Structure formats: structure tokens, C-alpha cells
Protein backbone atom coordinates (compact mmCIF):
# COMPACT_ATOMS: atom_id res chain seq x y z
CA MET A 1 0.20 -26.87 -4.24
CA LEU A 2 -2.85 -24.83 -5.20
CA LEU A 3 -4.61 -25.59 -8.48
CA ALA A 4 -6.12 -22.88 -10.67
CA GLU A 5 -9.88 -22.44 -10.50
CA PRO A 6 -11.69 -24.56 -13.08
CA MET A 7 -12.75 -22.59 -16.16
CA ASP A 8 -15.95 -23.14 -18.10
CA ALA A 9 -16.11 -23.66 -21.90
CA VAL A 10 -16.98 -19.98 -22.56
CA THR A 11 -14.01 -18.67 -20.58
CA ILE A 12 -11.62 -21.17 -22.23
CA GLY A 13 -12.94 -20.19 -25.66
CA ALA A 14 -12.53 -16.49 -24.96
CA LYS A 15 -8.90 -17.09 -23.94
CA ILE A 16 -8.20 -19.08 -27.10
CA ARG A 17 -9.73 -16.27 -29.24
CA GLU A 18 -7.73 -13.60 -27.35
CA LEU A 19 -4.45 -15.47 -27.84
CA ARG A 20 -5.20 -16.21 -31.48
CA THR A 21 -6.07 -12.60 -32.32
CA LEU A 22 -2.95 -11.32 -30.48
CA LYS A 23 -0.91 -13.49 -32.76
CA GLY A 24 -2.78 -12.15 -35.81
CA MET A 25 -4.05 -15.64 -36.72
CA THR A 26 -7.38 -16.46 -38.35
CA GLN A 27 -9.38 -19.43 -37.14
CA SER A 28 -8.38 -21.28 -40.30
CA ALA A 29 -4.64 -20.63 -39.77
CA LEU A 30 -4.86 -21.84 -36.16
CA ALA A 31 -6.81 -24.88 -37.28
CA ARG A 32 -4.08 -25.71 -39.92
CA ALA A 33 -1.32 -25.26 -37.30
CA CYS A 34 -3.19 -27.67 -34.98
CA GLY A 35 -4.21 -30.19 -37.60
CA VAL A 36 -7.93 -29.83 -37.01
CA ALA A 37 -10.92 -28.53 -38.92
CA PRO A 38 -11.70 -24.78 -38.53
CA SER A 39 -15.07 -25.69 -37.14
CA ILE A 40 -13.38 -27.16 -34.06
CA ILE A 41 -11.61 -23.83 -33.45
CA ASN A 42 -14.89 -22.03 -33.95
CA ARG A 43 -16.84 -24.24 -31.58
CA LEU A 44 -14.14 -24.00 -28.94
CA GLU A 45 -14.03 -20.15 -29.21
CA ILE A 46 -17.79 -19.78 -28.80
CA GLY A 47 -17.85 -22.23 -25.93
CA SER A 48 -20.16 -24.77 -27.54
CA THR A 49 -17.75 -27.69 -27.03
CA LEU A 50 -14.69 -28.85 -25.21
CA ARG A 51 -14.36 -31.95 -27.34
CA PHE A 52 -11.22 -32.20 -29.39
CA PRO A 53 -8.71 -34.82 -30.62
CA ILE A 54 -6.17 -36.18 -28.23
CA GLY A 55 -2.92 -34.28 -28.52
CA PHE A 56 -4.79 -31.09 -29.54
CA PRO A 57 -4.02 -29.12 -26.32
CA LEU A 58 -0.29 -29.52 -26.91
CA LYS A 59 -0.58 -28.51 -30.60
CA LEU A 60 -2.70 -25.56 -29.55
CA SER A 61 -0.20 -24.43 -26.95
CA ARG A 62 2.65 -24.67 -29.43
CA ALA A 63 0.69 -22.74 -32.10
CA LEU A 64 -0.30 -19.98 -29.67
CA GLU A 65 3.12 -20.11 -27.87
CA CYS A 66 1.54 -20.52 -24.43
CA ASP A 67 1.25 -23.08 -21.63
CA VAL A 68 -1.44 -25.73 -21.76
CA ALA A 69 -2.54 -24.88 -18.27
């Protein structure tokens, strides 16, 4: 099985932003759906951090209706 190429924080953040805007969500709305502060969504989107609470990737994937991977 081949694994996807690793992505850096900026690439991941850009993908989160793209999916969020396609769904018509604000950063605040996504943060509420994921149970985190809007600042976490902002920092993820600009690529300044990849630190987040455990369980966040699953909540994010559900809110954006996408796979975690």
C-alpha cells in the first residue's frame, strides 16, 4: 500500500480553508462545529501550528464532510 506524500502545515491549512469556504462556513462557525476556539482554526489555516486537541481531526472531518486523510 502506498501512503500519500506528507503535507506541510501551510498545505494542510490551505486545504482546510478551501473546504471551509466551499461549505460557506466562517472560521467561527467551523470552530463551533469542532468545539475549539476560532483562533485554532485561524492558526491552522495560516499554517502557524498543527497543534490541536485530541479528537479534533475527526470533528473537523465531520464538520467539513471529508475524510481525515
